[in-house]
Protein backbone atom coordinates (compact mmCIF):
# COMPACT_ATOMS: atom_id res chain seq x y z
CA MET A 1 137.44 117.33 156.47
CA GLY A 2 134.05 118.10 154.84
CA GLY A 3 136.23 119.68 152.04
CA LEU A 4 138.43 116.92 152.01
CA ARG A 5 135.30 114.45 152.03
CA ALA A 6 134.63 116.02 149.03
CA ARG A 7 137.79 116.39 146.99
CA LEU A 8 137.29 112.01 147.69
CA GLY A 9 133.78 111.88 146.04
CA VAL A 10 131.81 111.15 149.94
CA MET A 11 129.42 113.02 151.16
CA THR A 12 126.83 115.47 149.28
CA ASP A 13 127.39 117.00 145.74
CA SER A 14 130.37 116.28 145.37
CA HIS A 15 131.97 119.02 143.31
CA TRP A 16 134.03 117.07 140.68
CA PRO A 17 133.77 117.99 137.47
CA GLY A 18 131.10 115.30 136.77
CA THR A 19 129.42 114.31 139.10
CA ARG A 20 125.29 114.75 139.42
CA GLY A 21 124.46 114.70 142.74
CA ALA A 22 124.79 111.14 143.55
CA ARG A 23 125.34 110.65 147.26
CA ILE A 24 128.03 108.35 147.91
CA ALA A 25 127.28 108.40 151.86
CA TRP A 26 130.55 107.24 154.43
CA SER A 27 129.59 104.18 154.95
CA PRO A 28 130.11 100.43 153.90
CA GLY A 29 128.24 101.22 150.44
CA GLY A 30 130.65 104.81 150.14
CA THR A 31 133.59 102.60 150.73
CA THR A 32 132.32 100.18 147.94
CA ALA A 33 132.08 103.63 145.75
CA LEU A 34 135.59 104.52 146.79
CA LEU A 35 137.33 100.68 146.27
CA ALA A 36 135.47 100.75 142.55
CA GLY A 37 136.60 103.73 141.68
CA GLY A 38 140.05 103.08 143.19
CA LEU A 39 140.03 99.68 141.14
CA ALA A 40 138.72 101.00 138.10
CA ALA A 41 141.93 103.52 138.34
CA ALA A 42 144.45 100.88 138.74
CA VAL A 43 143.39 99.27 135.77
CA ILE A 44 143.22 102.23 133.67
CA ILE A 45 146.83 103.51 135.24
CA ALA A 46 148.08 100.08 134.57
CA ALA A 47 146.71 99.15 130.76
CA PHE A 48 149.18 102.55 129.96
CA CYS A 49 151.84 101.85 131.90
CA VAL A 50 152.07 98.34 131.90
CA PRO A 51 150.35 97.24 128.50
CA ARG A 52 152.50 94.17 128.57
CA ALA A 53 150.04 93.20 131.68
CA ALA A 54 146.88 94.02 130.05
CA MET A 55 145.76 90.63 129.93
CA THR A 56 146.74 89.88 133.91
CA PHE A 57 144.88 93.41 135.19
CA TYR A 58 141.23 92.64 132.64
CA GLY A 59 141.55 89.26 134.67
CA VAL A 60 140.94 90.82 137.65
CA LEU A 61 138.32 93.01 137.06
CA GLY A 62 136.44 90.08 135.62
CA CYS A 63 136.82 88.11 138.59
CA VAL A 64 135.13 91.25 140.81
CA ALA A 65 132.87 91.57 138.10
CA LEU A 66 132.00 87.94 138.91
CA VAL A 67 131.97 88.20 142.36
CA ARG A 68 129.88 91.98 142.36
CA TYR A 69 127.38 90.38 139.37
CA ALA A 70 126.44 87.41 142.49
CA GLN A 71 126.44 90.12 145.30
CA LEU A 72 123.82 92.70 143.17
CA GLY A 73 121.27 89.45 142.61
CA GLY A 74 122.16 89.40 138.84
CA ALA A 75 120.37 86.26 136.77
CA TRP A 76 123.42 83.60 135.77
CA ARG A 77 120.74 83.10 132.77
CA ASP A 78 121.82 86.51 131.65
CA LEU A 79 125.28 85.98 130.77
CA LEU A 80 124.08 83.38 128.18
CA ARG A 81 121.42 85.43 126.45
CA PRO A 82 122.69 86.09 122.65
CA ASP A 83 123.92 89.80 122.35
CA PRO A 84 124.29 91.09 118.52
CA ILE A 85 127.57 92.41 119.07
CA ALA A 86 129.01 90.15 120.92
CA THR A 87 127.79 87.14 119.53
CA PRO A 88 129.98 87.22 116.26
CA VAL A 89 133.32 88.40 117.60
CA PHE A 90 132.53 84.87 119.66
CA LEU A 91 132.27 82.94 116.37
CA VAL A 92 135.51 84.27 115.59
CA GLY A 93 137.13 83.03 118.09
CA LEU A 94 134.98 79.49 118.10
CA TRP A 95 136.16 79.32 114.78
CA ALA A 96 139.59 79.61 115.89
CA LEU A 97 138.86 76.28 118.79
CA VAL A 98 137.07 74.59 115.36
CA SER A 99 140.62 75.69 113.61
CA ALA A 100 142.86 72.63 116.11
CA THR A 101 141.79 70.35 114.08
CA TRP A 102 143.55 70.69 110.66
CA SER A 103 145.96 73.22 112.14
CA PRO A 104 149.62 71.44 112.28
CA ALA A 105 150.01 72.50 116.28
CA PRO A 106 146.40 71.87 117.72
CA LEU A 107 147.71 72.29 120.79
CA VAL A 108 148.34 76.15 120.33
CA SER A 109 145.60 76.56 117.91
CA LEU A 110 143.34 75.60 121.18
CA GLU A 111 144.90 78.31 123.47
CA ALA A 112 144.46 81.20 120.80
CA GLY A 113 141.09 80.35 120.59
CA ALA A 114 140.21 80.27 124.35
CA ILE A 115 142.23 83.07 125.09
CA PHE A 116 140.21 85.05 122.62
CA CYS A 117 136.96 83.83 123.24
CA GLY A 118 137.87 83.97 127.10
CA ASN A 119 138.73 88.06 126.31
CA ILE A 120 134.92 88.44 124.46
CA LEU A 121 133.32 86.17 127.93
CA LEU A 122 135.05 88.65 130.38
CA THR A 123 133.78 91.64 128.69
CA TRP A 124 130.71 90.79 128.21
CA LEU A 125 130.38 89.54 132.19
CA ILE A 126 132.08 93.14 132.94
CA ALA A 127 129.32 94.77 131.00
CA ARG A 128 126.52 93.09 133.04
CA TRP A 129 127.78 93.39 135.96
CA LEU A 130 127.98 97.48 135.48
CA ALA A 131 124.76 97.34 134.39
CA LEU A 132 123.67 96.33 137.79
CA GLU A 133 125.89 98.92 139.58
CA PRO A 134 123.84 101.60 142.09
CA ALA A 135 123.92 105.06 140.42
CA ALA A 136 126.39 106.21 143.05
CA HIS A 137 129.11 103.05 142.68
CA ALA A 138 128.72 103.77 138.37
CA GLU A 139 129.86 107.57 138.98
CA ALA A 140 133.10 106.49 140.96
CA LEU A 141 133.84 103.92 138.43
CA ARG A 142 133.38 106.59 135.62
CA ARG A 143 135.51 108.60 138.27
CA GLY A 144 138.35 106.34 138.49
CA ILE A 145 138.66 105.65 134.64
CA LEU A 146 139.14 109.54 133.65
CA ILE A 147 141.49 109.81 136.71
CA GLY A 148 143.19 106.82 135.82
CA ALA A 149 143.33 107.95 132.11
CA ALA A 150 145.08 111.22 133.36
CA ILE A 151 147.71 109.80 135.43
CA GLY A 152 148.27 106.67 133.21
CA LEU A 153 148.38 108.92 130.49
CA GLY A 154 150.53 111.86 132.12
CA LEU A 155 153.00 108.64 133.46
CA VAL A 156 153.41 108.16 129.75
CA LEU A 157 154.55 111.27 128.77
CA PHE A 158 156.88 111.61 132.01
CA GLU A 159 158.55 108.55 130.78
CA MET A 160 159.07 109.45 126.82
CA LEU A 161 160.59 113.31 127.97
CA SER A 162 163.09 111.22 131.22
CA GLU A 163 164.22 108.04 128.87
CA GLN A 164 162.07 105.79 130.98
CA ALA A 165 163.55 107.28 134.70
CA ILE A 166 160.69 105.57 136.54
CA ARG A 167 161.33 101.74 134.65
CA ARG A 168 164.86 102.27 134.92
CA PHE A 169 164.87 103.10 139.01
CA LEU A 170 162.37 100.05 138.79
CA LEU A 171 164.29 97.56 137.11
CA ASN A 172 167.26 98.88 139.04
CA ALA A 173 166.12 98.76 142.52
CA ILE A 174 164.26 95.51 141.58
CA PRO A 175 166.06 93.10 139.77
CA VAL A 176 163.51 90.22 139.62
CA LEU A 177 161.35 92.67 137.34
CA ARG A 178 164.36 92.58 134.49
CA PRO A 179 162.93 90.61 131.44
CA GLU A 180 164.12 87.34 130.30
CA GLN A 181 165.40 89.44 127.44
CA MET A 182 167.70 92.47 127.94
CA HIS A 183 169.10 92.99 124.93
CA TYR A 184 166.69 96.34 124.65
CA LEU A 185 168.89 97.69 127.74
CA ASP A 186 171.95 99.23 127.98
CA MET A 187 173.94 98.31 131.11
CA LYS A 188 177.17 99.61 132.68
CA GLY A 189 178.14 96.43 135.01
CA ASP A 190 174.97 95.66 136.65
CA THR A 191 173.40 98.81 136.50
CA ILE A 192 170.90 99.65 133.31
CA THR A 193 171.55 103.04 132.29
CA ARG A 194 169.17 103.17 129.28
CA ILE A 195 165.88 101.56 127.58
CA ARG A 196 165.32 101.75 124.03
CA PHE A 197 163.27 104.39 123.75
CA HIS A 198 161.00 102.23 121.11
CA GLN A 199 159.78 99.85 124.11
CA LEU A 200 156.78 102.59 124.84
CA ASN A 201 155.64 101.77 121.38
CA ARG A 202 152.87 99.57 122.93
CA HIS A 203 151.94 102.76 125.61
CA ALA A 204 151.51 104.82 122.76
CA ALA A 205 149.08 102.47 121.04
CA VAL A 206 147.25 101.95 124.59
CA ALA A 207 147.28 105.80 124.35
CA VAL A 208 144.99 106.08 120.94
CA LEU A 209 143.32 103.03 121.58
CA LEU A 210 141.76 104.02 124.69
CA ALA A 211 141.93 107.85 124.08
CA TRP A 212 138.15 108.03 121.83
CA PRO A 213 136.46 106.01 125.17
CA VAL A 214 137.67 108.21 127.15
CA LEU A 215 136.92 111.58 125.62
CA LEU A 216 133.41 110.42 124.48
CA MET A 217 132.84 109.50 128.37
CA THR A 218 134.58 113.19 129.38
CA ALA A 219 131.64 114.37 126.73
CA VAL A 220 128.82 112.84 128.40
CA TRP A 221 129.61 113.21 132.08
CA VAL A 222 131.40 115.91 132.99
CA LYS A 223 129.75 119.05 133.20
CA ALA A 224 129.78 121.87 130.48
CA ALA A 225 131.96 124.05 133.01
CA TRP A 226 134.88 121.75 132.80
CA ARG A 227 134.65 119.64 129.81
CA GLY A 228 136.38 121.14 126.86
CA TRP A 229 139.64 122.29 129.02
CA LEU A 230 139.63 118.22 130.04
CA ILE A 231 139.06 117.68 126.77
CA ALA A 232 142.01 119.88 125.15
CA GLY A 233 143.67 118.65 127.98
CA PHE A 234 143.76 115.13 127.18
CA ALA A 235 143.63 115.39 123.65
CA THR A 236 147.21 117.55 123.41
CA VAL A 237 149.33 114.80 126.48
CA LEU A 238 147.77 112.51 123.90
CA GLY A 239 149.14 114.34 120.94
CA ALA A 240 152.24 114.87 122.75
CA VAL A 241 152.73 111.09 123.36
CA THR A 242 151.87 109.61 120.41
CA PHE A 243 153.89 111.99 118.11
CA LEU A 244 156.95 112.01 120.66
CA SER A 245 156.97 108.02 119.84
CA TRP A 246 158.20 106.00 117.20
CA HIS A 247 155.08 104.53 116.52
CA GLU A 248 153.85 104.78 113.09
CA SER A 249 150.85 102.86 113.61
CA SER A 250 149.99 105.17 116.51
CA LYS A 251 150.51 108.25 114.86
CA LEU A 252 148.59 106.59 111.27
CA ALA A 253 145.20 105.23 113.60
CA LEU A 254 145.59 108.68 115.73
CA LEU A 255 145.11 110.83 112.62
CA ALA A 256 142.75 108.48 110.29
CA SER A 257 140.86 108.84 113.63
CA CYS A 258 140.56 112.03 114.14
CA ALA A 259 139.81 112.31 110.04
CA VAL A 260 136.65 110.11 110.66
CA PHE A 261 136.16 112.32 114.36
CA ALA A 262 135.83 115.93 112.13
CA LEU A 263 133.35 114.00 109.15
CA THR A 264 131.06 112.61 111.65
CA TRP A 265 130.82 115.57 113.42
CA LEU A 266 129.95 117.45 109.90
CA ASN A 267 127.90 115.03 108.45
CA ALA A 268 127.52 111.45 109.49
CA ARG A 269 125.33 110.07 107.26
CA ILE A 270 128.77 110.31 104.74
CA ALA A 271 131.13 109.44 107.47
CA PHE A 272 128.86 105.67 107.78
CA PRO A 273 129.17 104.20 104.80
CA LEU A 274 132.78 105.26 104.14
CA VAL A 275 133.92 103.62 107.53
CA VAL A 276 131.53 100.71 106.43
CA ALA A 277 133.83 100.81 102.82
CA GLY A 278 136.65 101.14 104.79
CA TRP A 279 136.28 98.25 107.07
CA ILE A 280 135.36 95.59 103.98
CA VAL A 281 138.42 96.45 101.81
CA MET A 282 140.68 96.36 105.50
CA THR A 283 139.36 92.72 106.00
CA VAL A 284 138.66 92.03 102.53
CA ALA A 285 140.98 93.59 99.75
CA VAL A 286 144.07 93.45 101.75
CA LEU A 287 144.40 89.89 100.16
CA PRO A 288 144.71 91.20 96.79
CA VAL A 289 146.30 95.07 98.16
CA ALA A 290 149.06 93.13 99.43
CA ILE A 291 149.75 90.87 96.63
CA VAL A 292 149.58 93.22 93.91
CA ALA A 293 152.21 95.44 96.65
CA PHE A 294 155.19 92.65 96.52
CA GLU A 295 154.92 91.25 92.71
CA SER A 296 155.51 94.93 91.83
CA ARG A 297 158.20 95.83 94.43
CA LEU A 298 157.02 98.17 96.56
CA TYR A 299 159.10 97.54 99.13
CA GLU A 300 161.89 98.83 97.52
CA ALA A 301 160.87 102.34 97.39
CA SER A 302 163.59 104.76 98.87
CA TRP A 303 161.05 106.79 100.68
CA ILE A 304 159.38 104.30 102.71
CA GLN A 305 160.69 103.77 105.85
CA GLU A 306 162.64 100.56 106.67
CA THR A 307 159.58 99.50 108.97
CA GLY A 308 157.09 100.20 105.84
CA ARG A 309 159.92 97.94 103.83
CA ALA A 310 160.01 95.14 106.13
CA ARG A 311 155.70 94.88 106.39
CA LEU A 312 155.36 95.28 102.79
CA ILE A 313 157.73 91.80 102.36
CA LEU A 314 156.27 90.23 105.19
CA TRP A 315 152.57 90.95 103.73
CA GLY A 316 153.08 89.93 100.13
CA THR A 317 155.01 86.54 102.01
CA THR A 318 151.98 85.61 103.94
CA ALA A 319 149.07 86.78 101.01
CA GLN A 320 150.94 84.28 98.67
CA ARG A 321 151.05 81.75 101.50
CA VAL A 322 147.52 81.90 101.50
CA LEU A 323 147.10 80.84 98.70
CA ASP A 324 147.90 77.35 100.06
CA ALA A 325 144.43 76.89 101.95
CA PRO A 326 142.40 80.32 101.20
CA ILE A 327 138.97 78.58 102.72
CA LEU A 328 139.96 77.14 106.16
CA GLY A 329 143.45 78.25 106.77
CA ILE A 330 146.09 77.11 108.31
CA GLY A 331 144.77 77.26 112.03
CA ALA A 332 144.55 79.97 114.71
CA GLY A 333 148.41 80.34 116.27
CA ALA A 334 150.04 78.32 113.56
CA GLY A 335 151.73 80.88 111.66
CA ARG A 336 154.15 81.72 114.39
CA VAL A 337 155.00 77.62 114.39
CA LEU A 338 155.97 77.44 110.97
CA ASP A 339 158.05 79.91 110.87
CA ASP A 340 160.10 79.39 113.75
CA GLN A 341 160.56 76.04 112.11
CA VAL A 342 161.80 77.98 108.90
CA LYS A 343 162.93 81.11 109.70
CA ASP A 344 166.82 80.47 109.96
CA ARG A 345 166.58 79.01 106.20
CA ALA A 346 164.40 81.78 104.65
CA THR A 347 165.35 83.45 101.26
CA GLU A 348 166.91 87.02 102.19
CA LEU A 349 166.43 89.91 99.20
CA PRO A 350 169.37 92.01 98.38
CA GLY A 351 169.56 95.34 100.36
CA GLN A 352 165.79 94.15 101.88
CA PRO A 353 165.26 94.46 105.95
CA PHE A 354 163.58 91.45 106.01
CA ALA A 355 163.47 87.59 104.99
CA LEU A 356 160.37 86.32 102.64
CA ARG A 357 158.81 85.06 106.14
CA THR A 358 155.61 84.97 107.71
CA GLY A 359 156.75 86.44 110.86
CA ALA A 360 155.47 85.67 114.13
CA HIS A 361 152.45 87.71 113.80
CA GLN A 362 151.76 89.39 110.64
CA HIS A 363 151.20 92.86 112.05
CA ASN A 364 148.27 92.81 110.56
CA ILE A 365 145.14 91.32 111.72
CA TYR A 366 143.27 90.50 108.72
CA LEU A 367 145.70 89.54 106.86
CA GLN A 368 146.64 86.78 109.93
CA THR A 369 142.92 85.77 110.16
CA TRP A 370 143.59 85.20 105.98
CA TYR A 371 146.07 82.81 106.86
CA GLU A 372 145.27 81.17 109.98
CA LEU A 373 141.68 80.69 109.76
CA GLY A 374 140.56 81.10 105.89
CA ALA A 375 138.19 82.93 103.80
CA LEU A 376 135.45 81.42 106.64
CA GLY A 377 137.42 83.33 109.19
CA VAL A 378 137.36 86.42 107.07
CA LEU A 379 134.07 85.89 106.65
CA LEU A 380 133.16 85.56 110.64
CA LEU A 381 135.40 88.78 111.21
CA THR A 382 133.61 91.11 108.45
CA ALA A 383 130.53 90.56 109.63
CA ALA A 384 131.58 91.14 113.46
CA GLY A 385 132.60 94.51 112.36
CA LEU A 386 129.25 95.24 110.11
CA ALA A 387 127.25 94.14 113.03
CA LEU A 388 129.05 96.59 115.42
CA LEU A 389 128.70 99.52 112.90
CA THR A 390 125.42 98.74 112.86
CA ALA A 391 125.19 99.11 116.67
CA LEU A 392 126.92 102.42 116.69
CA ARG A 393 124.64 103.63 113.59
CA ARG A 394 121.70 103.77 115.76
CA GLN A 395 123.43 106.01 118.50
CA THR A 396 123.13 109.99 117.94
CA GLY A 397 123.92 113.14 118.58
CA VAL A 398 127.23 113.61 120.13
CA LEU A 399 127.80 109.77 120.76
CA GLN A 400 128.25 109.05 116.93
CA SER A 401 131.77 110.85 115.98
CA TYR A 402 133.94 109.27 119.56
CA LEU A 403 132.11 106.20 118.31
CA TYR A 404 132.86 105.95 114.50
CA ALA A 405 136.81 107.62 115.86
CA ALA A 406 137.57 104.86 118.58
CA PHE A 407 136.31 102.33 115.55
CA THR A 408 138.71 103.28 112.92
CA ALA A 409 141.60 103.61 115.62
CA GLY A 410 140.88 100.24 116.60
CA ALA A 411 140.32 98.91 113.40
CA VAL A 412 143.45 101.15 111.61
CA MET A 413 145.46 99.90 114.63
CA ALA A 414 145.34 96.17 114.12
CA GLY A 415 145.71 96.57 110.63
CA VAL A 416 148.88 97.96 110.74
CA SER A 417 150.58 96.78 114.34
CA TYR A 418 150.37 93.44 116.59
CA GLY A 419 149.03 90.16 116.33
CA LEU A 420 145.80 88.85 116.76
CA TRP A 421 146.15 86.35 119.94
CA GLN A 422 148.39 88.72 121.63
CA ALA A 423 146.04 88.78 124.98
CA TRP A 424 147.29 92.36 125.97
CA PHE A 425 146.18 93.48 122.63
CA GLN A 426 143.01 91.57 122.80
CA ALA A 427 142.52 92.88 127.10
CA THR A 428 142.93 96.58 125.43
CA PHE A 429 139.83 96.37 122.83
CA GLY A 430 138.14 95.05 126.04
CA LEU A 431 138.77 97.95 128.06
CA MET A 432 137.52 100.09 125.04
CA ALA A 433 134.64 98.40 125.05
CA VAL A 434 134.09 98.36 128.41
CA ILE A 435 134.87 102.23 128.95
CA THR A 436 132.46 102.88 125.52
CA MET A 437 129.12 101.49 126.91
CA MET A 438 130.18 103.33 130.34
CA ALA A 439 129.73 106.12 128.39
CA MET A 440 126.62 105.70 126.24
CA ALA A 441 125.39 103.94 129.41
CA GLU A 442 125.42 107.60 131.12
CA GLN A 443 124.20 109.36 127.32
CA ARG A 444 120.66 106.90 127.51
CA THR A 445 119.90 108.44 131.12
CA GLY A 446 120.39 111.61 129.99
CA ALA A 447 122.07 112.00 133.79
CA ASN A 448 124.73 114.46 132.52
CA ARG A 449 122.45 117.61 132.59
CA ASP A 450 124.25 120.96 133.40
CA PRO A 451 123.59 123.14 136.35
């Protein structure tokens, strides 16, 4: 029984490769720790395996955080205290709410801003809760995150190699789970025989976004005897998932973040100004770059794959529309509404994969910010990123390489993939922040002392 309990993380000095000997007694407190670890694992697995529902699971975690914060005697006024990192990001959401006053779709803008602000508040609440948890519970949460990441990533790889066998089985066995839009499903009668492979693109994106926070936690928490093996194993499976996928954005984000990780490892002083410059270029210079690329007809280049040419058209068209409301933008989320009104009569370019449209979103949050929130929104977003980078620069040692890599992965993914107001995308960034903060807290306490 002792061996079983040790494997579960109960009893004394658990031999899980990362524990520091915190005692998780078989008691109500120990049960709470086990439940906390199980919850963390479940949320992370869900994020990997059901990305579209990430905001739902993140909201559940937020509800747990609210209850636990009250149980642990957290001061409610502390939740209102401004934070140098969270506050600038929150201001972007507030500006989105303000944009409803001139938006052609005010309710859409209010919804977009409210979800964005809600995600920031959830992240802040979860961070404040985790700071109050006893050491044994915090350790159980870290263990749950790592176990959840390992299982989640493994399941994504299995789905890629098995033609999504698990998902096909569930959708066939439980028809109520089937989506309303079934155009990406191949059917034989009432049986799903194949799910299009590109449906795993979001899974690859989540894997890349959560990878660096998970690797950071492994680096600062797991004992040296196991650390290298776990990092190598996770990185190998991550590489397989990323490059087996059809998601070029994930591949680009992973390669860019690996380059920044290596550069920071070699010379953090050089890496910092380069990452800052890259951030400013992505947020500010994206507008003129998109216009120049479009006017030079780069979308006609045969060496660029079809999805890339489509996005060049999308970005060029959007950049030109930015000039209609360059300071305030058209309003958060209003781009989708305006595009719906004109997409059926949009001008087609001969031989090109996309019409002259702005699309439901721009697959680039920086250009989307220019279009919907204007130059003032871009200023707020740029300032938020710089505030975060300034905070990351204060970290030392092993932290900086992982933190700059995580920032780069997120920044690149945001620049070439999904939309700013997609709730699941925001929730994934929230999970990135939560896992990173837990790892940084562990490093600050000096908890990872190898035997």
